[in-house]
Amino acid sequence: MGIAGITLIAIGLSMDSLAISISNGLTLRNLNLSKSLSIAFSLAFFQALMPLLGWWAGNGIEAFIEEIDHWVAFVLLGFIGGKMVYEGLQNNEQKSETELSTLMLLSQSIATSIDAFAVGISFAVLDYEITLPVIIIGIVTFVFSMIGLQLGKLFGEKLGKSVEIFGGSILMGIGIKILIEHLYFN
């Protein structure tokens, strides 16, 4: 597989990270370069790590992972999104700054990268070398995440208080999309 094919796979895998980043950009207050870099790095790191882990695992556990991956992503994103919607609906004028805890960032990073594990298994089954795909997937996800964070920040500043509801709805929507895709289209 050539660089173009790997890049297309990387773009496809990074779409959930892009959406999560837009949501984070919408809802996080005081999003600066340092926070943006750490969020994008976390999303890219897990998006690059999962194909490597999948490649190492080979097809020995493929059936097990395919049975639960969509449920894990659905629950993680549904919980995080539901919490954001709940907080957005609170009628608290002194609403504290929305922050992204380490646990929430880790949950987002894992939930958006589970499909990449299956891609790694596919690379192993097809006997593809994994180094170049891991690098390209990580770089593309990092770039898309940075773009998403900045887009979210731009629109979040214009939308005001309703962004938590909107951002949480995006996360729940991604979780539902992942669940439906795996239940009905695989």
N, C-alpha and C. Protein backbone atom coordinates (compact mmCIF):
# COMPACT_ATOMS: atom_id res chain seq x y z
N MET A 1 0.85 -1.17 0.00
CA MET A 1 0.00 0.00 0.00
C MET A 1 0.89 1.24 0.00
N GLY A 2 0.54 2.20 -0.84
CA GLY A 2 1.34 3.40 -0.97
C GLY A 2 0.97 4.48 0.04
N ILE A 3 1.73 5.56 -0.02
CA ILE A 3 1.51 6.68 0.90
C ILE A 3 0.11 7.27 0.71
N ALA A 4 -0.35 7.35 -0.53
CA ALA A 4 -1.68 7.92 -0.79
C ALA A 4 -2.77 7.09 -0.13
N GLY A 5 -2.69 5.78 -0.24
CA GLY A 5 -3.67 4.89 0.39
C GLY A 5 -3.63 4.99 1.90
N ILE A 6 -2.44 5.03 2.45
CA ILE A 6 -2.29 5.15 3.90
C ILE A 6 -2.85 6.50 4.37
N THR A 7 -2.57 7.56 3.61
CA THR A 7 -3.06 8.89 3.98
C THR A 7 -4.59 8.92 3.96
N LEU A 8 -5.21 8.27 2.98
CA LEU A 8 -6.68 8.21 2.94
C LEU A 8 -7.23 7.47 4.16
N ILE A 9 -6.58 6.39 4.53
CA ILE A 9 -6.99 5.67 5.75
C ILE A 9 -6.84 6.58 6.96
N ALA A 10 -5.72 7.30 7.03
CA ALA A 10 -5.47 8.21 8.16
C ALA A 10 -6.52 9.31 8.23
N ILE A 11 -6.90 9.85 7.09
CA ILE A 11 -7.94 10.89 7.06
C ILE A 11 -9.26 10.31 7.56
N GLY A 12 -9.61 9.13 7.09
CA GLY A 12 -10.84 8.48 7.55
C GLY A 12 -10.83 8.24 9.05
N LEU A 13 -9.71 7.74 9.55
CA LEU A 13 -9.61 7.47 10.99
C LEU A 13 -9.65 8.75 11.83
N SER A 14 -9.17 9.85 11.27
CA SER A 14 -9.07 11.08 12.06
C SER A 14 -10.36 11.88 12.11
N MET A 15 -11.39 11.47 11.40
CA MET A 15 -12.63 12.25 11.37
C MET A 15 -13.30 12.35 12.75
N ASP A 16 -13.30 11.27 13.51
CA ASP A 16 -13.88 11.34 14.85
C ASP A 16 -13.05 12.27 15.75
N SER A 17 -11.73 12.24 15.60
CA SER A 17 -10.88 13.15 16.38
C SER A 17 -11.12 14.60 15.97
N LEU A 18 -11.37 14.82 14.69
CA LEU A 18 -11.69 16.18 14.23
C LEU A 18 -12.99 16.65 14.88
N ALA A 19 -14.00 15.81 14.88
CA ALA A 19 -15.29 16.18 15.47
C ALA A 19 -15.15 16.42 16.99
N ILE A 20 -14.42 15.55 17.66
CA ILE A 20 -14.18 15.72 19.10
C ILE A 20 -13.44 17.04 19.35
N SER A 21 -12.48 17.34 18.51
CA SER A 21 -11.71 18.57 18.67
C SER A 21 -12.58 19.80 18.46
N ILE A 22 -13.46 19.76 17.49
CA ILE A 22 -14.39 20.87 17.29
C ILE A 22 -15.25 21.04 18.55
N SER A 23 -15.74 19.93 19.07
CA SER A 23 -16.55 19.97 20.29
C SER A 23 -15.76 20.56 21.45
N ASN A 24 -14.52 20.11 21.61
CA ASN A 24 -13.66 20.64 22.68
C ASN A 24 -13.40 22.13 22.47
N GLY A 25 -13.13 22.52 21.24
CA GLY A 25 -12.89 23.92 20.95
C GLY A 25 -14.10 24.79 21.24
N LEU A 26 -15.29 24.22 21.00
CA LEU A 26 -16.53 24.95 21.29
C LEU A 26 -16.71 25.19 22.78
N THR A 27 -16.37 24.20 23.57
CA THR A 27 -16.76 24.23 24.98
C THR A 27 -15.66 24.66 25.95
N LEU A 28 -14.42 24.52 25.59
CA LEU A 28 -13.34 24.84 26.52
C LEU A 28 -13.09 26.34 26.58
N ARG A 29 -13.06 26.85 27.79
CA ARG A 29 -12.75 28.26 27.99
C ARG A 29 -11.24 28.43 28.03
N ASN A 30 -10.77 29.56 27.62
CA ASN A 30 -9.33 29.86 27.67
C ASN A 30 -8.48 28.81 26.97
N LEU A 31 -8.93 28.35 25.81
CA LEU A 31 -8.15 27.38 25.03
C LEU A 31 -6.96 28.10 24.43
N ASN A 32 -5.78 27.73 24.89
CA ASN A 32 -4.56 28.37 24.38
C ASN A 32 -3.74 27.35 23.60
N LEU A 33 -2.60 27.78 23.11
CA LEU A 33 -1.76 26.91 22.29
C LEU A 33 -1.30 25.68 23.06
N SER A 34 -0.91 25.86 24.30
CA SER A 34 -0.44 24.75 25.12
C SER A 34 -1.53 23.68 25.30
N LYS A 35 -2.75 24.10 25.64
CA LYS A 35 -3.86 23.16 25.79
C LYS A 35 -4.18 22.49 24.46
N SER A 36 -4.19 23.28 23.39
CA SER A 36 -4.48 22.72 22.06
C SER A 36 -3.46 21.66 21.68
N LEU A 37 -2.19 21.95 21.92
CA LEU A 37 -1.14 20.98 21.59
C LEU A 37 -1.29 19.70 22.40
N SER A 38 -1.62 19.82 23.69
CA SER A 38 -1.74 18.62 24.52
C SER A 38 -2.96 17.78 24.11
N ILE A 39 -4.06 18.44 23.78
CA ILE A 39 -5.25 17.70 23.33
C ILE A 39 -4.97 17.01 22.00
N ALA A 40 -4.42 17.75 21.04
CA ALA A 40 -4.12 17.18 19.72
C ALA A 40 -3.10 16.05 19.85
N PHE A 41 -2.10 16.22 20.71
CA PHE A 41 -1.11 15.17 20.90
C PHE A 41 -1.75 13.90 21.47
N SER A 42 -2.62 14.05 22.46
CA SER A 42 -3.27 12.88 23.05
C SER A 42 -4.11 12.13 22.02
N LEU A 43 -4.91 12.87 21.26
CA LEU A 43 -5.75 12.23 20.24
C LEU A 43 -4.87 11.54 19.19
N ALA A 44 -3.81 12.21 18.75
CA ALA A 44 -2.91 11.65 17.74
C ALA A 44 -2.13 10.46 18.28
N PHE A 45 -1.68 10.55 19.52
CA PHE A 45 -0.92 9.47 20.12
C PHE A 45 -1.74 8.17 20.14
N PHE A 46 -2.98 8.26 20.64
CA PHE A 46 -3.80 7.05 20.70
C PHE A 46 -4.22 6.58 19.32
N GLN A 47 -4.45 7.52 18.40
CA GLN A 47 -4.82 7.14 17.04
C GLN A 47 -3.66 6.41 16.36
N ALA A 48 -2.43 6.75 16.70
CA ALA A 48 -1.26 6.08 16.15
C ALA A 48 -0.92 4.81 16.92
N LEU A 49 -1.17 4.80 18.23
CA LEU A 49 -0.86 3.64 19.05
C LEU A 49 -1.77 2.45 18.74
N MET A 50 -3.04 2.71 18.54
CA MET A 50 -3.99 1.62 18.35
C MET A 50 -3.70 0.74 17.14
N PRO A 51 -3.34 1.29 15.97
CA PRO A 51 -3.00 0.38 14.86
C PRO A 51 -1.77 -0.47 15.18
N LEU A 52 -0.83 0.13 15.92
CA LEU A 52 0.36 -0.62 16.31
C LEU A 52 -0.02 -1.78 17.22
N LEU A 53 -0.87 -1.52 18.21
CA LEU A 53 -1.34 -2.59 19.10
C LEU A 53 -2.14 -3.64 18.33
N GLY A 54 -2.98 -3.18 17.41
CA GLY A 54 -3.75 -4.11 16.59
C GLY A 54 -2.86 -4.96 15.71
N TRP A 55 -1.82 -4.35 15.16
CA TRP A 55 -0.88 -5.08 14.32
C TRP A 55 -0.17 -6.16 15.12
N TRP A 56 0.24 -5.79 16.36
CA TRP A 56 0.90 -6.77 17.22
C TRP A 56 -0.04 -7.90 17.61
N ALA A 57 -1.27 -7.56 17.86
CA ALA A 57 -2.24 -8.58 18.28
C ALA A 57 -2.58 -9.52 17.14
N GLY A 58 -2.42 -9.06 15.92
CA GLY A 58 -2.76 -9.89 14.77
C GLY A 58 -4.23 -10.19 14.76
N ASN A 59 -4.59 -11.31 14.20
CA ASN A 59 -6.02 -11.63 14.13
C ASN A 59 -6.47 -12.57 15.25
N GLY A 60 -5.64 -12.78 16.25
CA GLY A 60 -6.00 -13.67 17.36
C GLY A 60 -7.16 -13.17 18.19
N ILE A 61 -7.27 -11.85 18.34
CA ILE A 61 -8.36 -11.32 19.16
C ILE A 61 -9.30 -10.43 18.37
N GLU A 62 -9.19 -10.47 17.05
CA GLU A 62 -10.01 -9.61 16.19
C GLU A 62 -11.50 -9.78 16.46
N ALA A 63 -11.95 -11.02 16.56
CA ALA A 63 -13.38 -11.27 16.76
C ALA A 63 -13.87 -10.67 18.08
N PHE A 64 -13.07 -10.80 19.13
CA PHE A 64 -13.46 -10.24 20.43
C PHE A 64 -13.57 -8.72 20.37
N ILE A 65 -12.55 -8.08 19.81
CA ILE A 65 -12.54 -6.62 19.72
C ILE A 65 -13.72 -6.13 18.89
N GLU A 66 -14.00 -6.78 17.79
CA GLU A 66 -15.11 -6.35 16.93
C GLU A 66 -16.46 -6.48 17.64
N GLU A 67 -16.55 -7.37 18.61
CA GLU A 67 -17.80 -7.54 19.35
C GLU A 67 -18.07 -6.42 20.35
N ILE A 68 -17.02 -5.78 20.87
CA ILE A 68 -17.24 -4.80 21.93
C ILE A 68 -16.80 -3.37 21.61
N ASP A 69 -15.99 -3.18 20.57
CA ASP A 69 -15.41 -1.84 20.37
C ASP A 69 -16.46 -0.75 20.22
N HIS A 70 -17.53 -1.03 19.51
CA HIS A 70 -18.57 -0.01 19.30
C HIS A 70 -19.31 0.31 20.59
N TRP A 71 -19.47 -0.67 21.46
CA TRP A 71 -20.14 -0.43 22.74
C TRP A 71 -19.28 0.42 23.66
N VAL A 72 -17.97 0.16 23.66
CA VAL A 72 -17.06 0.95 24.49
C VAL A 72 -17.08 2.41 24.03
N ALA A 73 -16.96 2.64 22.73
CA ALA A 73 -16.98 4.02 22.21
C ALA A 73 -18.32 4.68 22.50
N PHE A 74 -19.41 3.96 22.30
CA PHE A 74 -20.76 4.50 22.55
C PHE A 74 -20.92 4.93 24.01
N VAL A 75 -20.51 4.08 24.94
CA VAL A 75 -20.67 4.39 26.37
C VAL A 75 -19.78 5.57 26.77
N LEU A 76 -18.51 5.55 26.35
CA LEU A 76 -17.60 6.64 26.71
C LEU A 76 -18.09 7.99 26.16
N LEU A 77 -18.40 8.02 24.87
CA LEU A 77 -18.83 9.28 24.27
C LEU A 77 -20.21 9.70 24.75
N GLY A 78 -21.09 8.74 24.98
CA GLY A 78 -22.41 9.06 25.51
C GLY A 78 -22.33 9.65 26.90
N PHE A 79 -21.48 9.09 27.74
CA PHE A 79 -21.32 9.62 29.10
C PHE A 79 -20.73 11.02 29.08
N ILE A 80 -19.64 11.19 28.34
CA ILE A 80 -18.99 12.51 28.28
C ILE A 80 -19.95 13.55 27.69
N GLY A 81 -20.61 13.18 26.58
CA GLY A 81 -21.55 14.11 25.94
C GLY A 81 -22.74 14.41 26.83
N GLY A 82 -23.27 13.40 27.49
CA GLY A 82 -24.41 13.61 28.39
C GLY A 82 -24.05 14.53 29.54
N LYS A 83 -22.85 14.36 30.06
CA LYS A 83 -22.39 15.23 31.15
C LYS A 83 -22.29 16.68 30.67
N MET A 84 -21.79 16.87 29.46
CA MET A 84 -21.69 18.23 28.92
C MET A 84 -23.06 18.85 28.69
N VAL A 85 -24.00 18.07 28.17
CA VAL A 85 -25.36 18.59 27.95
C VAL A 85 -25.99 18.96 29.29
N TYR A 86 -25.84 18.08 30.27
CA TYR A 86 -26.39 18.34 31.61
C TYR A 86 -25.83 19.64 32.17
N GLU A 87 -24.51 19.80 32.09
CA GLU A 87 -23.88 21.02 32.60
C GLU A 87 -24.34 22.25 31.82
N GLY A 88 -24.56 22.09 30.52
CA GLY A 88 -25.03 23.20 29.71
C GLY A 88 -26.45 23.62 30.04
N LEU A 89 -27.26 22.68 30.53
CA LEU A 89 -28.64 22.97 30.87
C LEU A 89 -28.79 23.56 32.27
N GLN A 90 -27.74 23.48 33.07
CA GLN A 90 -27.80 24.04 34.41
C GLN A 90 -27.98 25.54 34.32
N ASN A 91 -28.87 26.05 35.14
CA ASN A 91 -29.17 27.48 35.14
C ASN A 91 -28.30 28.20 36.15
N ASN A 92 -27.03 28.12 35.97
CA ASN A 92 -26.10 28.71 36.92
C ASN A 92 -25.37 29.86 36.24
N GLU A 93 -25.70 31.07 36.63
CA GLU A 93 -25.07 32.24 36.04
C GLU A 93 -23.58 32.30 36.35
N GLN A 94 -23.18 31.70 37.45
CA GLN A 94 -21.77 31.71 37.84
C GLN A 94 -21.10 30.41 37.38
N LYS A 95 -21.49 29.95 36.21
CA LYS A 95 -20.96 28.69 35.69
C LYS A 95 -19.44 28.72 35.66
N SER A 96 -18.84 27.69 36.20
CA SER A 96 -17.38 27.65 36.23
C SER A 96 -16.85 27.37 34.82
N GLU A 97 -15.58 27.63 34.65
CA GLU A 97 -14.97 27.37 33.37
C GLU A 97 -15.07 25.88 33.03
N THR A 98 -15.38 25.60 31.78
CA THR A 98 -15.38 24.23 31.32
C THR A 98 -13.92 23.81 31.15
N GLU A 99 -13.56 22.74 31.79
CA GLU A 99 -12.20 22.21 31.67
C GLU A 99 -12.26 20.78 31.19
N LEU A 100 -11.21 20.33 30.58
CA LEU A 100 -11.10 18.97 30.10
C LEU A 100 -10.14 18.24 31.02
N SER A 101 -10.69 17.37 31.88
CA SER A 101 -9.84 16.65 32.82
C SER A 101 -8.99 15.63 32.06
N THR A 102 -7.96 15.18 32.70
CA THR A 102 -7.09 14.16 32.11
C THR A 102 -7.89 12.90 31.80
N LEU A 103 -8.79 12.51 32.71
CA LEU A 103 -9.61 11.32 32.50
C LEU A 103 -10.53 11.49 31.30
N MET A 104 -11.14 12.67 31.16
CA MET A 104 -12.03 12.90 30.02
C MET A 104 -11.25 12.91 28.71
N LEU A 105 -10.06 13.52 28.71
CA LEU A 105 -9.23 13.52 27.50
C LEU A 105 -8.80 12.11 27.14
N LEU A 106 -8.42 11.33 28.14
CA LEU A 106 -8.04 9.95 27.91
C LEU A 106 -9.23 9.16 27.34
N SER A 107 -10.41 9.36 27.91
CA SER A 107 -11.61 8.67 27.41
C SER A 107 -11.90 9.05 25.97
N GLN A 108 -11.81 10.33 25.65
CA GLN A 108 -12.03 10.78 24.28
C GLN A 108 -11.00 10.17 23.34
N SER A 109 -9.76 10.16 23.77
CA SER A 109 -8.67 9.64 22.93
C SER A 109 -8.86 8.15 22.64
N ILE A 110 -9.26 7.39 23.65
CA ILE A 110 -9.47 5.95 23.46
C ILE A 110 -10.71 5.72 22.60
N ALA A 111 -11.80 6.41 22.92
CA ALA A 111 -13.05 6.20 22.19
C ALA A 111 -12.91 6.49 20.71
N THR A 112 -12.15 7.52 20.36
CA THR A 112 -12.02 7.88 18.95
C THR A 112 -10.98 7.04 18.21
N SER A 113 -10.21 6.24 18.93
CA SER A 113 -9.14 5.47 18.28
C SER A 113 -9.38 3.97 18.24
N ILE A 114 -10.50 3.52 18.74
CA ILE A 114 -10.75 2.07 18.78
C ILE A 114 -10.78 1.46 17.37
N ASP A 115 -11.37 2.17 16.42
CA ASP A 115 -11.41 1.65 15.05
C ASP A 115 -10.00 1.47 14.47
N ALA A 116 -9.07 2.30 14.92
CA ALA A 116 -7.70 2.19 14.43
C ALA A 116 -7.05 0.87 14.86
N PHE A 117 -7.51 0.30 15.97
CA PHE A 117 -7.02 -1.01 16.41
C PHE A 117 -7.35 -2.07 15.35
N ALA A 118 -8.59 -2.02 14.85
CA ALA A 118 -9.01 -2.96 13.82
C ALA A 118 -8.22 -2.76 12.53
N VAL A 119 -7.89 -1.51 12.22
CA VAL A 119 -7.07 -1.23 11.03
C VAL A 119 -5.70 -1.88 11.20
N GLY A 120 -5.14 -1.80 12.40
CA GLY A 120 -3.85 -2.44 12.67
C GLY A 120 -3.92 -3.95 12.49
N ILE A 121 -5.01 -4.55 12.94
CA ILE A 121 -5.20 -5.99 12.73
C ILE A 121 -5.24 -6.30 11.24
N SER A 122 -5.96 -5.45 10.48
CA SER A 122 -6.03 -5.64 9.03
C SER A 122 -4.65 -5.57 8.39
N PHE A 123 -3.84 -4.61 8.83
CA PHE A 123 -2.47 -4.51 8.30
C PHE A 123 -1.68 -5.79 8.61
N ALA A 124 -1.88 -6.35 9.79
CA ALA A 124 -1.16 -7.58 10.16
C ALA A 124 -1.61 -8.74 9.29
N VAL A 125 -2.92 -8.87 9.10
CA VAL A 125 -3.47 -9.96 8.30
C VAL A 125 -2.98 -9.86 6.85
N LEU A 126 -2.90 -8.63 6.34
CA LEU A 126 -2.43 -8.41 4.97
C LEU A 126 -0.92 -8.35 4.86
N ASP A 127 -0.23 -8.52 6.00
CA ASP A 127 1.22 -8.55 6.07
C ASP A 127 1.87 -7.23 5.61
N TYR A 128 1.25 -6.11 5.98
CA TYR A 128 1.80 -4.79 5.68
C TYR A 128 2.74 -4.36 6.80
N GLU A 129 3.76 -3.65 6.46
CA GLU A 129 4.66 -3.02 7.43
C GLU A 129 3.85 -1.92 8.14
N ILE A 130 4.04 -1.75 9.44
CA ILE A 130 3.19 -0.86 10.24
C ILE A 130 3.81 0.50 10.53
N THR A 131 5.11 0.66 10.40
CA THR A 131 5.78 1.90 10.82
C THR A 131 5.26 3.13 10.09
N LEU A 132 5.25 3.11 8.77
CA LEU A 132 4.79 4.28 8.01
C LEU A 132 3.32 4.60 8.28
N PRO A 133 2.41 3.61 8.29
CA PRO A 133 1.02 3.95 8.63
C PRO A 133 0.87 4.59 10.01
N VAL A 134 1.60 4.11 11.00
CA VAL A 134 1.51 4.68 12.35
C VAL A 134 1.94 6.15 12.33
N ILE A 135 3.02 6.45 11.64
CA ILE A 135 3.51 7.83 11.56
C ILE A 135 2.52 8.72 10.84
N ILE A 136 2.02 8.27 9.70
CA ILE A 136 1.08 9.09 8.92
C ILE A 136 -0.23 9.28 9.68
N ILE A 137 -0.75 8.23 10.29
CA ILE A 137 -1.99 8.34 11.06
C ILE A 137 -1.82 9.33 12.21
N GLY A 138 -0.70 9.28 12.90
CA GLY A 138 -0.46 10.21 13.99
C GLY A 138 -0.37 11.65 13.52
N ILE A 139 0.35 11.89 12.45
CA ILE A 139 0.51 13.26 11.93
C ILE A 139 -0.82 13.82 11.44
N VAL A 140 -1.54 13.03 10.64
CA VAL A 140 -2.82 13.51 10.10
C VAL A 140 -3.80 13.79 11.23
N THR A 141 -3.87 12.92 12.22
CA THR A 141 -4.79 13.14 13.34
C THR A 141 -4.39 14.38 14.12
N PHE A 142 -3.11 14.58 14.34
CA PHE A 142 -2.65 15.77 15.06
C PHE A 142 -3.07 17.04 14.31
N VAL A 143 -2.83 17.08 13.01
CA VAL A 143 -3.17 18.27 12.22
C VAL A 143 -4.68 18.51 12.22
N PHE A 144 -5.46 17.47 11.98
CA PHE A 144 -6.92 17.62 11.97
C PHE A 144 -7.45 18.04 13.34
N SER A 145 -6.83 17.53 14.40
CA SER A 145 -7.26 17.90 15.75
C SER A 145 -6.97 19.37 16.03
N MET A 146 -5.82 19.84 15.63
CA MET A 146 -5.49 21.26 15.82
C MET A 146 -6.46 22.14 15.03
N ILE A 147 -6.77 21.75 13.81
CA ILE A 147 -7.72 22.51 13.00
C ILE A 147 -9.09 22.51 13.68
N GLY A 148 -9.53 21.35 14.15
CA GLY A 148 -10.83 21.24 14.81
C GLY A 148 -10.91 22.09 16.06
N LEU A 149 -9.87 22.09 16.85
CA LEU A 149 -9.85 22.90 18.08
C LEU A 149 -10.00 24.39 17.75
N GLN A 150 -9.29 24.83 16.72
CA GLN A 150 -9.35 26.24 16.36
C GLN A 150 -10.71 26.61 15.76
N LEU A 151 -11.28 25.72 14.94
CA LEU A 151 -12.62 25.97 14.40
C LEU A 151 -13.65 26.04 15.52
N GLY A 152 -13.56 25.10 16.45
CA GLY A 152 -14.48 25.09 17.58
C GLY A 152 -14.34 26.34 18.43
N LYS A 153 -13.11 26.76 18.66
CA LYS A 153 -12.88 27.97 19.46
C LYS A 153 -13.48 29.19 18.77
N LEU A 154 -13.28 29.27 17.47
CA LEU A 154 -13.80 30.40 16.70
C LEU A 154 -15.32 30.49 16.81
N PHE A 155 -15.99 29.35 16.59
CA PHE A 155 -17.45 29.35 16.65
C PHE A 155 -17.96 29.40 18.08
N GLY A 156 -17.22 28.82 19.01
CA GLY A 156 -17.62 28.83 20.42
C GLY A 156 -17.69 30.23 20.99
N GLU A 157 -16.76 31.06 20.59
CA GLU A 157 -16.76 32.45 21.06
C GLU A 157 -17.98 33.20 20.55
N LYS A 158 -18.51 32.80 19.40
CA LYS A 158 -19.67 33.47 18.83
C LYS A 158 -20.99 32.91 19.36
N LEU A 159 -21.00 31.64 19.76
CA LEU A 159 -22.24 30.99 20.19
C LEU A 159 -22.57 31.21 21.66
N GLY A 160 -21.58 31.47 22.49
CA GLY A 160 -21.84 31.73 23.90
C GLY A 160 -22.15 30.48 24.70
N LYS A 161 -23.14 30.62 25.64
CA LYS A 161 -23.39 29.58 26.65
C LYS A 161 -23.95 28.27 26.09
N SER A 162 -24.61 28.29 24.94
CA SER A 162 -25.23 27.07 24.42
C SER A 162 -24.22 26.08 23.85
N VAL A 163 -22.95 26.43 23.83
CA VAL A 163 -21.97 25.55 23.21
C VAL A 163 -21.79 24.23 23.96
N GLU A 164 -21.98 24.21 25.27
CA GLU A 164 -21.84 22.94 26.00
C GLU A 164 -22.91 21.95 25.54
N ILE A 165 -24.12 22.42 25.37
CA ILE A 165 -25.20 21.56 24.89
C ILE A 165 -24.88 21.07 23.48
N PHE A 166 -24.45 21.99 22.63
CA PHE A 166 -24.11 21.65 21.26
C PHE A 166 -22.93 20.68 21.21
N GLY A 167 -21.86 20.99 21.96
CA GLY A 167 -20.68 20.12 21.99
C GLY A 167 -20.98 18.75 22.54
N GLY A 168 -21.76 18.69 23.61
CA GLY A 168 -22.16 17.39 24.18
C GLY A 168 -23.01 16.60 23.21
N SER A 169 -23.87 17.28 22.48
CA SER A 169 -24.71 16.61 21.49
C SER A 169 -23.86 16.02 20.37
N ILE A 170 -22.80 16.74 19.98
CA ILE A 170 -21.88 16.21 18.97
C ILE A 170 -21.24 14.92 19.45
N LEU A 171 -20.77 14.91 20.70
CA LEU A 171 -20.12 13.70 21.23
C LEU A 171 -21.10 12.53 21.29
N MET A 172 -22.32 12.79 21.77
CA MET A 172 -23.32 11.72 21.82
C MET A 172 -23.66 11.25 20.41
N GLY A 173 -23.73 12.17 19.46
CA GLY A 173 -24.00 11.81 18.08
C GLY A 173 -22.92 10.92 17.49
N ILE A 174 -21.66 11.23 17.79
CA ILE A 174 -20.56 10.39 17.31
C ILE A 174 -20.68 8.99 17.92
N GLY A 175 -20.99 8.91 19.22
CA GLY A 175 -21.16 7.61 19.86
C GLY A 175 -22.28 6.81 19.22
N ILE A 176 -23.40 7.45 18.94
CA ILE A 176 -24.53 6.78 18.29
C ILE A 176 -24.15 6.35 16.88
N LYS A 177 -23.44 7.21 16.15
CA LYS A 177 -23.00 6.88 14.78
C LYS A 177 -22.12 5.63 14.79
N ILE A 178 -21.17 5.59 15.72
CA ILE A 178 -20.27 4.43 15.82
C ILE A 178 -21.07 3.17 16.11
N LEU A 179 -22.02 3.26 17.05
CA LEU A 179 -22.83 2.10 17.41
C LEU A 179 -23.66 1.62 16.22
N ILE A 180 -24.32 2.53 15.54
CA ILE A 180 -25.17 2.16 14.39
C ILE A 180 -24.33 1.56 13.27
N GLU A 181 -23.18 2.18 12.97
CA GLU A 181 -22.31 1.65 11.91
C GLU A 181 -21.91 0.21 12.20
N HIS A 182 -21.54 -0.08 13.44
CA HIS A 182 -21.08 -1.42 13.77
C HIS A 182 -22.22 -2.43 13.89
N LEU A 183 -23.37 -1.99 14.34
CA LEU A 183 -24.49 -2.92 14.48
C LEU A 183 -25.17 -3.24 13.16
N TYR A 184 -25.23 -2.24 12.26
CA TYR A 184 -26.03 -2.42 11.05
C TYR A 184 -25.26 -2.42 9.75
N PHE A 185 -24.03 -1.96 9.75
CA PHE A 185 -23.31 -1.85 8.48
C PHE A 185 -22.01 -2.63 8.45
N ASN A 186 -21.77 -3.48 9.42
CA ASN A 186 -20.57 -4.34 9.41
C ASN A 186 -20.94 -5.76 9.19
